[in-house]
Amino acid sequence: MKTDTGLPEPLPDSPLEIFARWLDEARTRRLQPNPDSMVIATVGPDGAPAARVVLCKHLATDPGFVVFYTNYLSRKGRELTVNPRAAAVLHWDALGRQVRIEGPVTRSPVEESDRYFASRPLDSRIGAWASRQSEPLATRAALAAQVREVMTRFGIADDARDADIPRPPHWGGYRLWIETLELWIAGPGRVHERAVWRRTLEPWGEDALRGGPWTATRLNP
């Protein structure tokens, strides 16, 4: 389903308002499961890329970053420690739209990670403690035992609907700062619309960045 008549002409100074509108529409219309799904690609010390799907939990149009949460000790967490840059793709097939992002990555502020962790369902909070993400697992039963150990440690009954569980120190948010952003709209006969915006980022306070002006370029499909 193609819902756009095309990208504006001339291209706007910033792409972030269009990105925000697209993300909001994908969430509102719910034409496909998990409209927040976002592929994140990182690079390991050996230069080999790896990609996986996470959820885009927040888009901050000012100053311009997306947020996702994960285990800091997972493969992507370890790779981001070595090379704190990532690429991301959000693709809404039902809307005929795609967004590509590239840029540096920083950890979210502790308070932000605490607040989001506290909002998660109880079983998800238990799982964040129980799973040694990306590490070898002998059996499914071993994982169940790790879950049970966490429930015992925090005194959580089987029928509990909520419990006071602190955020694990190895779990939290990342901010992918948008240095490059490409917007794509599906077109007939593969005559798609593409445009890319780029800007320079510089340090701005603790674990924050500030962007310069955008430059925009249309691309062949």
N, C-alpha and C. Protein backbone atom coordinates (compact mmCIF):
# COMPACT_ATOMS: atom_id res chain seq x y z
N MET A 1 0.85 -1.20 0.00
CA MET A 1 0.00 0.00 0.00
C MET A 1 0.88 1.24 0.00
N LYS A 2 0.74 2.10 -0.98
CA LYS A 2 1.50 3.33 -1.06
C LYS A 2 0.61 4.49 -0.65
N THR A 3 1.03 5.22 0.38
CA THR A 3 0.19 6.27 0.93
C THR A 3 0.71 7.67 0.62
N ASP A 4 1.91 7.78 0.04
CA ASP A 4 2.51 9.08 -0.21
C ASP A 4 2.39 9.48 -1.67
N THR A 5 2.29 10.78 -1.90
CA THR A 5 2.38 11.29 -3.26
C THR A 5 3.83 11.59 -3.61
N GLY A 6 4.70 11.53 -2.63
CA GLY A 6 6.12 11.77 -2.87
C GLY A 6 6.73 12.63 -1.79
N LEU A 7 8.05 12.69 -1.80
CA LEU A 7 8.76 13.57 -0.89
C LEU A 7 8.59 15.02 -1.33
N PRO A 8 8.61 15.95 -0.38
CA PRO A 8 8.40 17.36 -0.76
C PRO A 8 9.46 17.85 -1.74
N GLU A 9 9.07 18.82 -2.53
CA GLU A 9 9.97 19.47 -3.49
C GLU A 9 9.86 20.97 -3.30
N PRO A 10 10.91 21.65 -2.88
CA PRO A 10 12.23 21.12 -2.57
C PRO A 10 12.21 20.31 -1.26
N LEU A 11 13.29 19.56 -1.04
CA LEU A 11 13.40 18.78 0.19
C LEU A 11 13.48 19.71 1.39
N PRO A 12 12.86 19.34 2.50
CA PRO A 12 12.92 20.19 3.70
C PRO A 12 14.33 20.24 4.28
N ASP A 13 14.56 21.25 5.10
CA ASP A 13 15.89 21.41 5.71
C ASP A 13 16.24 20.23 6.61
N SER A 14 15.24 19.67 7.30
CA SER A 14 15.45 18.53 8.20
C SER A 14 14.48 17.41 7.85
N PRO A 15 14.93 16.14 7.96
CA PRO A 15 14.03 15.02 7.67
C PRO A 15 13.29 14.52 8.90
N LEU A 16 13.60 15.07 10.07
CA LEU A 16 13.12 14.44 11.30
C LEU A 16 11.62 14.58 11.50
N GLU A 17 11.03 15.66 11.02
CA GLU A 17 9.59 15.81 11.16
C GLU A 17 8.86 14.77 10.30
N ILE A 18 9.37 14.50 9.11
CA ILE A 18 8.75 13.46 8.27
C ILE A 18 8.92 12.10 8.94
N PHE A 19 10.10 11.80 9.45
CA PHE A 19 10.33 10.55 10.16
C PHE A 19 9.34 10.40 11.32
N ALA A 20 9.17 11.45 12.11
CA ALA A 20 8.26 11.39 13.25
C ALA A 20 6.82 11.13 12.79
N ARG A 21 6.42 11.76 11.71
CA ARG A 21 5.06 11.56 11.20
C ARG A 21 4.87 10.13 10.72
N TRP A 22 5.85 9.61 10.00
CA TRP A 22 5.77 8.23 9.52
C TRP A 22 5.69 7.24 10.68
N LEU A 23 6.54 7.44 11.69
CA LEU A 23 6.54 6.53 12.83
C LEU A 23 5.21 6.60 13.58
N ASP A 24 4.69 7.81 13.76
CA ASP A 24 3.41 7.96 14.44
C ASP A 24 2.28 7.29 13.66
N GLU A 25 2.29 7.44 12.33
CA GLU A 25 1.24 6.82 11.52
C GLU A 25 1.34 5.30 11.56
N ALA A 26 2.57 4.77 11.52
CA ALA A 26 2.74 3.32 11.59
C ALA A 26 2.21 2.78 12.91
N ARG A 27 2.45 3.50 13.99
CA ARG A 27 1.96 3.07 15.31
C ARG A 27 0.45 3.19 15.40
N THR A 28 -0.10 4.25 14.84
CA THR A 28 -1.53 4.51 14.95
C THR A 28 -2.37 3.57 14.08
N ARG A 29 -1.93 3.36 12.85
CA ARG A 29 -2.72 2.56 11.91
C ARG A 29 -2.59 1.06 12.13
N ARG A 30 -1.47 0.64 12.68
CA ARG A 30 -1.29 -0.78 13.04
C ARG A 30 -1.60 -1.71 11.87
N LEU A 31 -1.07 -1.38 10.71
CA LEU A 31 -1.30 -2.22 9.54
C LEU A 31 -0.38 -3.43 9.51
N GLN A 32 0.62 -3.46 10.38
CA GLN A 32 1.50 -4.60 10.49
C GLN A 32 1.93 -4.74 11.95
N PRO A 33 2.26 -5.96 12.38
CA PRO A 33 2.68 -6.17 13.77
C PRO A 33 3.97 -5.40 14.06
N ASN A 34 4.13 -5.01 15.31
CA ASN A 34 5.37 -4.37 15.76
C ASN A 34 5.83 -3.23 14.84
N PRO A 35 5.06 -2.17 14.75
CA PRO A 35 5.48 -1.04 13.91
C PRO A 35 6.76 -0.38 14.42
N ASP A 36 7.15 -0.68 15.67
CA ASP A 36 8.38 -0.13 16.23
C ASP A 36 9.61 -0.96 15.89
N SER A 37 9.43 -2.09 15.17
CA SER A 37 10.57 -2.96 14.87
C SER A 37 11.64 -2.20 14.09
N MET A 38 12.88 -2.40 14.52
CA MET A 38 14.01 -1.68 13.92
C MET A 38 15.21 -2.61 13.88
N VAL A 39 15.77 -2.80 12.72
CA VAL A 39 16.98 -3.60 12.58
C VAL A 39 18.18 -2.75 12.97
N ILE A 40 19.00 -3.27 13.90
CA ILE A 40 20.21 -2.57 14.33
C ILE A 40 21.42 -3.38 13.88
N ALA A 41 22.33 -2.74 13.19
CA ALA A 41 23.57 -3.39 12.75
C ALA A 41 24.75 -2.77 13.48
N THR A 42 25.61 -3.64 14.01
CA THR A 42 26.83 -3.21 14.69
C THR A 42 28.01 -3.95 14.07
N VAL A 43 29.21 -3.55 14.45
CA VAL A 43 30.42 -4.17 13.91
C VAL A 43 31.31 -4.59 15.07
N GLY A 44 31.80 -5.85 15.00
CA GLY A 44 32.66 -6.38 16.05
C GLY A 44 34.11 -5.99 15.87
N PRO A 45 34.95 -6.38 16.83
CA PRO A 45 36.38 -6.05 16.75
C PRO A 45 37.06 -6.61 15.51
N ASP A 46 36.51 -7.70 14.95
CA ASP A 46 37.10 -8.30 13.75
C ASP A 46 36.58 -7.66 12.47
N GLY A 47 35.74 -6.65 12.59
CA GLY A 47 35.21 -5.97 11.42
C GLY A 47 33.99 -6.62 10.81
N ALA A 48 33.52 -7.73 11.40
CA ALA A 48 32.36 -8.44 10.87
C ALA A 48 31.07 -7.77 11.36
N PRO A 49 30.13 -7.48 10.45
CA PRO A 49 28.87 -6.88 10.86
C PRO A 49 27.90 -7.92 11.43
N ALA A 50 26.99 -7.46 12.26
CA ALA A 50 25.93 -8.31 12.79
C ALA A 50 24.67 -7.46 12.91
N ALA A 51 23.52 -8.06 12.59
CA ALA A 51 22.26 -7.32 12.63
C ALA A 51 21.22 -8.11 13.39
N ARG A 52 20.29 -7.42 14.04
CA ARG A 52 19.20 -8.04 14.77
C ARG A 52 18.08 -7.02 14.91
N VAL A 53 16.90 -7.49 15.27
CA VAL A 53 15.74 -6.61 15.40
C VAL A 53 15.56 -6.21 16.86
N VAL A 54 15.39 -4.92 17.09
CA VAL A 54 15.05 -4.37 18.40
C VAL A 54 13.79 -3.53 18.22
N LEU A 55 13.36 -2.88 19.28
CA LEU A 55 12.20 -1.99 19.20
C LEU A 55 12.64 -0.54 19.38
N CYS A 56 12.21 0.30 18.47
CA CYS A 56 12.44 1.73 18.60
C CYS A 56 11.44 2.27 19.62
N LYS A 57 11.91 2.57 20.80
CA LYS A 57 11.01 2.98 21.88
C LYS A 57 10.77 4.48 21.93
N HIS A 58 11.64 5.26 21.27
CA HIS A 58 11.44 6.71 21.33
C HIS A 58 12.23 7.37 20.21
N LEU A 59 11.65 8.39 19.63
CA LEU A 59 12.33 9.26 18.68
C LEU A 59 12.32 10.67 19.24
N ALA A 60 13.49 11.23 19.44
CA ALA A 60 13.62 12.62 19.89
C ALA A 60 14.02 13.45 18.67
N THR A 61 13.07 14.20 18.12
CA THR A 61 13.39 14.98 16.93
C THR A 61 14.35 16.12 17.25
N ASP A 62 14.39 16.55 18.49
CA ASP A 62 15.34 17.57 18.94
C ASP A 62 15.99 17.05 20.22
N PRO A 63 17.25 16.66 20.18
CA PRO A 63 18.27 16.98 19.18
C PRO A 63 18.43 15.97 18.04
N GLY A 64 17.70 14.85 18.06
CA GLY A 64 17.75 13.92 16.94
C GLY A 64 18.41 12.60 17.25
N PHE A 65 17.66 11.71 17.92
CA PHE A 65 18.16 10.36 18.18
C PHE A 65 16.99 9.42 18.38
N VAL A 66 17.24 8.12 18.21
CA VAL A 66 16.26 7.09 18.53
C VAL A 66 16.80 6.28 19.70
N VAL A 67 15.88 5.68 20.47
CA VAL A 67 16.25 4.94 21.68
C VAL A 67 15.81 3.49 21.55
N PHE A 68 16.69 2.59 21.94
CA PHE A 68 16.33 1.18 22.09
C PHE A 68 16.98 0.66 23.36
N TYR A 69 16.45 -0.46 23.87
CA TYR A 69 16.92 -1.03 25.14
C TYR A 69 17.41 -2.44 24.92
N THR A 70 18.42 -2.83 25.70
CA THR A 70 18.97 -4.17 25.56
C THR A 70 19.88 -4.48 26.74
N ASN A 71 20.45 -5.68 26.71
CA ASN A 71 21.44 -6.10 27.69
C ASN A 71 22.80 -5.56 27.25
N TYR A 72 23.46 -4.80 28.13
CA TYR A 72 24.74 -4.21 27.78
C TYR A 72 25.84 -5.26 27.57
N LEU A 73 25.61 -6.47 28.09
CA LEU A 73 26.60 -7.54 27.95
C LEU A 73 26.30 -8.46 26.77
N SER A 74 25.24 -8.17 26.02
CA SER A 74 24.91 -8.95 24.83
C SER A 74 25.96 -8.70 23.75
N ARG A 75 25.85 -9.44 22.65
CA ARG A 75 26.81 -9.23 21.57
C ARG A 75 26.78 -7.80 21.06
N LYS A 76 25.58 -7.25 20.84
CA LYS A 76 25.53 -5.88 20.34
C LYS A 76 26.07 -4.89 21.36
N GLY A 77 25.82 -5.18 22.66
CA GLY A 77 26.35 -4.31 23.69
C GLY A 77 27.87 -4.32 23.72
N ARG A 78 28.44 -5.51 23.60
CA ARG A 78 29.90 -5.61 23.59
C ARG A 78 30.48 -4.94 22.34
N GLU A 79 29.80 -5.11 21.21
CA GLU A 79 30.30 -4.49 19.99
C GLU A 79 30.19 -2.98 20.05
N LEU A 80 29.13 -2.47 20.66
CA LEU A 80 29.00 -1.02 20.78
C LEU A 80 30.02 -0.43 21.75
N THR A 81 30.49 -1.23 22.69
CA THR A 81 31.55 -0.76 23.59
C THR A 81 32.85 -0.56 22.81
N VAL A 82 33.12 -1.47 21.88
CA VAL A 82 34.34 -1.40 21.08
C VAL A 82 34.22 -0.36 19.96
N ASN A 83 33.07 -0.36 19.30
CA ASN A 83 32.83 0.54 18.17
C ASN A 83 31.46 1.17 18.34
N PRO A 84 31.38 2.30 19.03
CA PRO A 84 30.07 2.90 19.37
C PRO A 84 29.40 3.61 18.20
N ARG A 85 29.16 2.87 17.14
CA ARG A 85 28.41 3.36 15.99
C ARG A 85 27.46 2.25 15.55
N ALA A 86 26.35 2.64 14.91
CA ALA A 86 25.39 1.64 14.45
C ALA A 86 24.64 2.17 13.24
N ALA A 87 24.02 1.24 12.53
CA ALA A 87 23.10 1.58 11.45
C ALA A 87 21.76 0.92 11.78
N ALA A 88 20.67 1.55 11.37
CA ALA A 88 19.34 1.03 11.69
C ALA A 88 18.42 1.19 10.49
N VAL A 89 17.43 0.30 10.41
CA VAL A 89 16.42 0.36 9.35
C VAL A 89 15.05 0.11 9.97
N LEU A 90 14.09 0.96 9.66
CA LEU A 90 12.69 0.72 9.96
C LEU A 90 11.97 0.60 8.62
N HIS A 91 11.28 -0.51 8.41
CA HIS A 91 10.61 -0.75 7.13
C HIS A 91 9.14 -1.08 7.39
N TRP A 92 8.26 -0.25 6.85
CA TRP A 92 6.83 -0.47 6.99
C TRP A 92 6.30 -0.88 5.62
N ASP A 93 6.30 -2.18 5.38
CA ASP A 93 5.91 -2.69 4.08
C ASP A 93 4.48 -2.29 3.73
N ALA A 94 3.59 -2.33 4.72
CA ALA A 94 2.19 -2.01 4.47
C ALA A 94 1.99 -0.55 4.06
N LEU A 95 2.93 0.30 4.42
CA LEU A 95 2.82 1.73 4.08
C LEU A 95 3.74 2.11 2.92
N GLY A 96 4.58 1.18 2.48
CA GLY A 96 5.50 1.49 1.40
C GLY A 96 6.53 2.52 1.78
N ARG A 97 7.04 2.41 3.01
CA ARG A 97 7.99 3.40 3.50
C ARG A 97 9.17 2.72 4.21
N GLN A 98 10.29 3.39 4.18
CA GLN A 98 11.47 2.89 4.88
C GLN A 98 12.32 4.05 5.34
N VAL A 99 12.95 3.89 6.52
CA VAL A 99 13.87 4.88 7.07
C VAL A 99 15.18 4.18 7.40
N ARG A 100 16.27 4.75 6.95
CA ARG A 100 17.60 4.23 7.27
C ARG A 100 18.34 5.29 8.08
N ILE A 101 19.04 4.81 9.13
CA ILE A 101 19.74 5.71 10.05
C ILE A 101 21.17 5.22 10.24
N GLU A 102 22.10 6.15 10.34
CA GLU A 102 23.48 5.83 10.71
C GLU A 102 23.97 6.90 11.67
N GLY A 103 24.81 6.48 12.64
CA GLY A 103 25.36 7.47 13.54
C GLY A 103 26.02 6.86 14.76
N PRO A 104 26.57 7.70 15.61
CA PRO A 104 27.20 7.23 16.85
C PRO A 104 26.16 6.84 17.89
N VAL A 105 26.58 6.05 18.86
CA VAL A 105 25.68 5.53 19.89
C VAL A 105 26.25 5.85 21.27
N THR A 106 25.38 6.31 22.16
CA THR A 106 25.74 6.51 23.56
C THR A 106 24.70 5.81 24.44
N ARG A 107 25.07 5.51 25.67
CA ARG A 107 24.08 4.94 26.59
C ARG A 107 23.09 6.02 27.04
N SER A 108 21.87 5.60 27.26
CA SER A 108 20.85 6.51 27.79
C SER A 108 21.19 6.90 29.22
N PRO A 109 20.73 8.06 29.68
CA PRO A 109 20.92 8.42 31.09
C PRO A 109 20.32 7.36 32.01
N VAL A 110 20.95 7.17 33.16
CA VAL A 110 20.51 6.14 34.12
C VAL A 110 19.05 6.33 34.49
N GLU A 111 18.63 7.57 34.73
CA GLU A 111 17.26 7.83 35.15
C GLU A 111 16.27 7.42 34.06
N GLU A 112 16.63 7.63 32.82
CA GLU A 112 15.76 7.26 31.71
C GLU A 112 15.62 5.74 31.62
N SER A 113 16.73 5.02 31.78
CA SER A 113 16.67 3.56 31.75
C SER A 113 15.88 3.02 32.94
N ASP A 114 16.07 3.61 34.12
CA ASP A 114 15.31 3.19 35.30
C ASP A 114 13.81 3.36 35.08
N ARG A 115 13.45 4.51 34.54
CA ARG A 115 12.03 4.81 34.34
C ARG A 115 11.39 3.84 33.34
N TYR A 116 12.08 3.56 32.26
CA TYR A 116 11.51 2.64 31.27
C TYR A 116 11.44 1.22 31.83
N PHE A 117 12.49 0.80 32.53
CA PHE A 117 12.49 -0.56 33.09
C PHE A 117 11.31 -0.74 34.04
N ALA A 118 11.02 0.26 34.87
CA ALA A 118 9.92 0.17 35.82
C ALA A 118 8.56 0.08 35.13
N SER A 119 8.47 0.55 33.87
CA SER A 119 7.20 0.52 33.15
C SER A 119 6.95 -0.82 32.44
N ARG A 120 7.93 -1.69 32.41
CA ARG A 120 7.80 -2.94 31.67
C ARG A 120 6.96 -3.95 32.45
N PRO A 121 6.34 -4.91 31.74
CA PRO A 121 5.60 -5.97 32.45
C PRO A 121 6.51 -6.74 33.39
N LEU A 122 5.93 -7.33 34.41
CA LEU A 122 6.71 -8.04 35.41
C LEU A 122 7.56 -9.14 34.80
N ASP A 123 6.98 -9.95 33.90
CA ASP A 123 7.76 -11.05 33.34
C ASP A 123 8.94 -10.55 32.51
N SER A 124 8.81 -9.38 31.89
CA SER A 124 9.92 -8.82 31.12
C SER A 124 11.03 -8.34 32.05
N ARG A 125 10.65 -7.80 33.19
CA ARG A 125 11.68 -7.37 34.15
C ARG A 125 12.41 -8.58 34.74
N ILE A 126 11.66 -9.64 35.02
CA ILE A 126 12.30 -10.88 35.49
C ILE A 126 13.25 -11.41 34.43
N GLY A 127 12.80 -11.42 33.18
CA GLY A 127 13.62 -11.94 32.10
C GLY A 127 14.91 -11.17 31.90
N ALA A 128 14.87 -9.85 32.14
CA ALA A 128 16.07 -9.04 31.98
C ALA A 128 17.15 -9.46 32.97
N TRP A 129 16.72 -9.88 34.16
CA TRP A 129 17.67 -10.39 35.16
C TRP A 129 18.11 -11.82 34.83
N ALA A 130 17.17 -12.63 34.35
CA ALA A 130 17.44 -14.06 34.20
C ALA A 130 18.29 -14.39 32.98
N SER A 131 18.10 -13.68 31.89
CA SER A 131 18.77 -14.04 30.64
C SER A 131 20.19 -13.49 30.59
N ARG A 132 21.13 -14.38 30.36
CA ARG A 132 22.52 -13.97 30.10
C ARG A 132 22.67 -13.86 28.59
N GLN A 133 22.09 -12.81 28.06
CA GLN A 133 21.88 -12.66 26.62
C GLN A 133 23.14 -12.89 25.81
N SER A 134 22.98 -13.71 24.76
CA SER A 134 24.03 -14.06 23.80
C SER A 134 25.02 -15.10 24.32
N GLU A 135 24.91 -15.48 25.61
CA GLU A 135 25.79 -16.51 26.15
C GLU A 135 25.23 -17.90 25.84
N PRO A 136 26.10 -18.93 25.75
CA PRO A 136 25.62 -20.29 25.49
C PRO A 136 24.65 -20.76 26.57
N LEU A 137 23.66 -21.57 26.17
CA LEU A 137 22.65 -22.11 27.08
C LEU A 137 22.55 -23.60 26.85
N ALA A 138 22.72 -24.38 27.92
CA ALA A 138 22.75 -25.84 27.78
C ALA A 138 21.39 -26.39 27.36
N THR A 139 20.33 -25.98 28.05
CA THR A 139 18.99 -26.49 27.78
C THR A 139 17.96 -25.42 28.08
N ARG A 140 16.75 -25.63 27.58
CA ARG A 140 15.65 -24.73 27.92
C ARG A 140 15.37 -24.77 29.41
N ALA A 141 15.54 -25.95 30.01
CA ALA A 141 15.32 -26.10 31.45
C ALA A 141 16.28 -25.24 32.25
N ALA A 142 17.49 -25.07 31.72
CA ALA A 142 18.46 -24.23 32.43
C ALA A 142 17.99 -22.78 32.48
N LEU A 143 17.37 -22.32 31.38
CA LEU A 143 16.83 -20.96 31.37
C LEU A 143 15.69 -20.83 32.36
N ALA A 144 14.82 -21.84 32.41
CA ALA A 144 13.72 -21.83 33.37
C ALA A 144 14.25 -21.77 34.79
N ALA A 145 15.36 -22.45 35.05
CA ALA A 145 15.96 -22.43 36.38
C ALA A 145 16.51 -21.04 36.71
N GLN A 146 17.05 -20.35 35.70
CA GLN A 146 17.54 -19.00 35.93
C GLN A 146 16.39 -18.05 36.25
N VAL A 147 15.26 -18.23 35.59
CA VAL A 147 14.08 -17.42 35.89
C VAL A 147 13.61 -17.69 37.32
N ARG A 148 13.57 -18.95 37.70
CA ARG A 148 13.14 -19.33 39.05
C ARG A 148 14.07 -18.72 40.09
N GLU A 149 15.35 -18.72 39.81
CA GLU A 149 16.33 -18.17 40.77
C GLU A 149 16.08 -16.69 40.99
N VAL A 150 15.75 -15.96 39.92
CA VAL A 150 15.47 -14.53 40.04
C VAL A 150 14.20 -14.31 40.87
N MET A 151 13.18 -15.11 40.62
CA MET A 151 11.93 -14.97 41.38
C MET A 151 12.16 -15.25 42.85
N THR A 152 12.98 -16.23 43.14
CA THR A 152 13.30 -16.54 44.54
C THR A 152 14.09 -15.40 45.18
N ARG A 153 15.05 -14.87 44.45
CA ARG A 153 15.90 -13.81 44.99
C ARG A 153 15.09 -12.58 45.36
N PHE A 154 14.09 -12.25 44.54
CA PHE A 154 13.30 -11.05 44.80
C PHE A 154 11.97 -11.36 45.50
N GLY A 155 11.77 -12.62 45.92
CA GLY A 155 10.56 -12.99 46.65
C GLY A 155 9.29 -12.83 45.84
N ILE A 156 9.32 -13.24 44.57
CA ILE A 156 8.17 -13.07 43.67
C ILE A 156 7.39 -14.37 43.61
N ALA A 157 6.12 -14.32 43.96
CA ALA A 157 5.27 -15.51 43.91
C ALA A 157 4.86 -15.80 42.46
N ASP A 158 4.47 -17.06 42.22
CA ASP A 158 4.09 -17.46 40.87
C ASP A 158 2.91 -16.66 40.33
N ASP A 159 2.00 -16.29 41.23
CA ASP A 159 0.79 -15.58 40.79
C ASP A 159 0.90 -14.06 40.97
N ALA A 160 2.11 -13.57 41.21
CA ALA A 160 2.30 -12.13 41.42
C ALA A 160 2.00 -11.36 40.14
N ARG A 161 1.35 -10.24 40.29
CA ARG A 161 1.07 -9.37 39.15
C ARG A 161 2.06 -8.22 39.05
N ASP A 162 2.74 -7.94 40.12
CA ASP A 162 3.75 -6.89 40.11
C ASP A 162 4.71 -7.14 41.27
N ALA A 163 5.86 -6.52 41.19
CA ALA A 163 6.87 -6.64 42.24
C ALA A 163 7.88 -5.52 42.05
N ASP A 164 8.54 -5.15 43.12
CA ASP A 164 9.53 -4.10 43.09
C ASP A 164 10.88 -4.73 42.74
N ILE A 165 11.27 -4.61 41.47
CA ILE A 165 12.53 -5.18 40.99
C ILE A 165 13.39 -4.05 40.44
N PRO A 166 14.59 -3.86 40.95
CA PRO A 166 15.45 -2.81 40.41
C PRO A 166 15.95 -3.17 39.02
N ARG A 167 16.33 -2.17 38.28
CA ARG A 167 16.90 -2.42 36.96
C ARG A 167 18.27 -3.09 37.09
N PRO A 168 18.51 -4.15 36.33
CA PRO A 168 19.85 -4.76 36.37
C PRO A 168 20.90 -3.77 35.87
N PRO A 169 22.06 -3.74 36.48
CA PRO A 169 23.09 -2.79 36.03
C PRO A 169 23.58 -3.08 34.61
N HIS A 170 23.33 -4.31 34.13
CA HIS A 170 23.79 -4.69 32.79
C HIS A 170 22.71 -4.50 31.73
N TRP A 171 21.64 -3.79 32.06
CA TRP A 171 20.52 -3.63 31.13
C TRP A 171 20.11 -2.17 31.09
N GLY A 172 19.86 -1.64 29.88
CA GLY A 172 19.42 -0.25 29.79
C GLY A 172 19.30 0.22 28.35
N GLY A 173 19.24 1.52 28.21
CA GLY A 173 18.97 2.10 26.91
C GLY A 173 20.21 2.56 26.17
N TYR A 174 20.05 2.68 24.86
CA TYR A 174 21.04 3.30 24.00
C TYR A 174 20.37 4.38 23.18
N ARG A 175 21.13 5.42 22.91
CA ARG A 175 20.68 6.45 21.99
C ARG A 175 21.51 6.37 20.72
N LEU A 176 20.84 6.13 19.60
CA LEU A 176 21.48 6.18 18.29
C LEU A 176 21.26 7.59 17.74
N TRP A 177 22.35 8.36 17.69
CA TRP A 177 22.26 9.75 17.25
C TRP A 177 22.25 9.78 15.73
N ILE A 178 21.31 10.52 15.18
CA ILE A 178 21.08 10.49 13.73
C ILE A 178 22.05 11.45 13.04
N GLU A 179 23.05 10.86 12.42
CA GLU A 179 24.04 11.61 11.65
C GLU A 179 23.67 11.60 10.17
N THR A 180 23.14 10.44 9.72
CA THR A 180 22.66 10.28 8.35
C THR A 180 21.28 9.65 8.40
N LEU A 181 20.35 10.17 7.62
CA LEU A 181 19.00 9.62 7.58
C LEU A 181 18.51 9.59 6.14
N GLU A 182 18.03 8.43 5.72
CA GLU A 182 17.47 8.28 4.37
C GLU A 182 15.99 7.94 4.45
N LEU A 183 15.18 8.62 3.66
CA LEU A 183 13.76 8.33 3.54
C LEU A 183 13.50 7.69 2.18
N TRP A 184 12.67 6.66 2.19
CA TRP A 184 12.38 5.87 0.97
C TRP A 184 10.88 5.66 0.88
N ILE A 185 10.33 5.89 -0.31
CA ILE A 185 8.91 5.65 -0.57
C ILE A 185 8.80 4.72 -1.77
N ALA A 186 8.03 3.64 -1.62
CA ALA A 186 7.88 2.67 -2.70
C ALA A 186 7.15 3.30 -3.88
N GLY A 187 7.61 2.94 -5.08
CA GLY A 187 6.97 3.43 -6.30
C GLY A 187 6.76 2.29 -7.28
N PRO A 188 5.85 2.45 -8.25
CA PRO A 188 5.60 1.40 -9.24
C PRO A 188 6.81 1.19 -10.13
N GLY A 189 7.00 -0.08 -10.55
CA GLY A 189 8.10 -0.39 -11.45
C GLY A 189 9.47 -0.12 -10.84
N ARG A 190 9.55 -0.20 -9.51
CA ARG A 190 10.80 0.08 -8.78
C ARG A 190 11.30 1.50 -8.98
N VAL A 191 10.44 2.39 -9.42
CA VAL A 191 10.80 3.81 -9.50
C VAL A 191 10.45 4.44 -8.16
N HIS A 192 11.27 4.10 -7.18
CA HIS A 192 11.03 4.56 -5.82
C HIS A 192 11.52 5.99 -5.65
N GLU A 193 11.16 6.58 -4.51
CA GLU A 193 11.69 7.89 -4.13
C GLU A 193 12.66 7.71 -2.98
N ARG A 194 13.84 8.31 -3.12
CA ARG A 194 14.85 8.25 -2.07
C ARG A 194 15.48 9.62 -1.90
N ALA A 195 15.75 9.95 -0.65
CA ALA A 195 16.51 11.16 -0.36
C ALA A 195 17.27 10.92 0.93
N VAL A 196 18.47 11.49 1.00
CA VAL A 196 19.31 11.31 2.18
C VAL A 196 19.71 12.67 2.74
N TRP A 197 19.70 12.76 4.07
CA TRP A 197 20.13 13.97 4.77
C TRP A 197 21.35 13.61 5.62
N ARG A 198 22.33 14.51 5.66
CA ARG A 198 23.53 14.30 6.46
C ARG A 198 23.83 15.55 7.26
N ARG A 199 24.44 15.32 8.44
CA ARG A 199 24.87 16.45 9.26
C ARG A 199 26.09 16.03 10.07
N THR A 200 26.78 17.00 10.62
CA THR A 200 27.93 16.74 11.48
C THR A 200 27.48 16.83 12.93
N LEU A 201 27.92 15.87 13.75
CA LEU A 201 27.61 15.86 15.17
C LEU A 201 28.87 16.19 15.96
N GLU A 202 28.69 16.90 17.08
CA GLU A 202 29.81 17.22 17.95
C GLU A 202 29.39 17.03 19.40
N PRO A 203 30.36 16.75 20.30
CA PRO A 203 30.02 16.57 21.71
C PRO A 203 29.32 17.80 22.29
N TRP A 204 28.36 17.51 23.17
CA TRP A 204 27.58 18.60 23.79
C TRP A 204 27.20 18.14 25.20
N GLY A 205 28.05 18.43 26.17
CA GLY A 205 27.80 17.97 27.53
C GLY A 205 28.16 16.51 27.69
N GLU A 206 27.66 15.91 28.77
CA GLU A 206 27.98 14.53 29.10
C GLU A 206 27.11 13.55 28.30
N ASP A 207 27.74 12.71 27.50
CA ASP A 207 27.05 11.69 26.71
C ASP A 207 25.96 12.27 25.81
N ALA A 208 26.15 13.49 25.35
CA ALA A 208 25.18 14.11 24.44
C ALA A 208 25.92 14.69 23.25
N LEU A 209 25.18 14.87 22.17
CA LEU A 209 25.75 15.41 20.95
C LEU A 209 24.86 16.53 20.42
N ARG A 210 25.46 17.38 19.61
CA ARG A 210 24.72 18.47 18.99
C ARG A 210 24.98 18.43 17.49
N GLY A 211 23.90 18.58 16.71
CA GLY A 211 24.02 18.48 15.27
C GLY A 211 24.12 19.82 14.59
N GLY A 212 24.89 19.85 13.50
CA GLY A 212 24.95 21.03 12.66
C GLY A 212 23.82 21.01 11.64
N PRO A 213 23.86 21.91 10.68
CA PRO A 213 22.80 21.95 9.66
C PRO A 213 22.82 20.72 8.77
N TRP A 214 21.63 20.35 8.28
CA TRP A 214 21.50 19.20 7.39
C TRP A 214 21.80 19.59 5.96
N THR A 215 22.33 18.64 5.20
CA THR A 215 22.40 18.77 3.75
C THR A 215 21.56 17.64 3.16
N ALA A 216 20.77 17.92 2.15
CA ALA A 216 19.83 16.94 1.58
C ALA A 216 20.17 16.66 0.13
N THR A 217 20.03 15.38 -0.26
CA THR A 217 20.31 14.97 -1.62
C THR A 217 19.31 13.92 -2.05
N ARG A 218 18.70 14.10 -3.21
CA ARG A 218 17.86 13.04 -3.78
C ARG A 218 18.77 11.95 -4.37
N LEU A 219 18.28 10.70 -4.33
CA LEU A 219 19.06 9.57 -4.81
C LEU A 219 18.26 8.80 -5.85
N ASN A 220 18.96 8.22 -6.80
CA ASN A 220 18.33 7.26 -7.71
C ASN A 220 17.87 6.05 -6.91
N PRO A 221 16.77 5.42 -7.32
CA PRO A 221 16.29 4.26 -6.59
C PRO A 221 17.13 3.02 -6.86
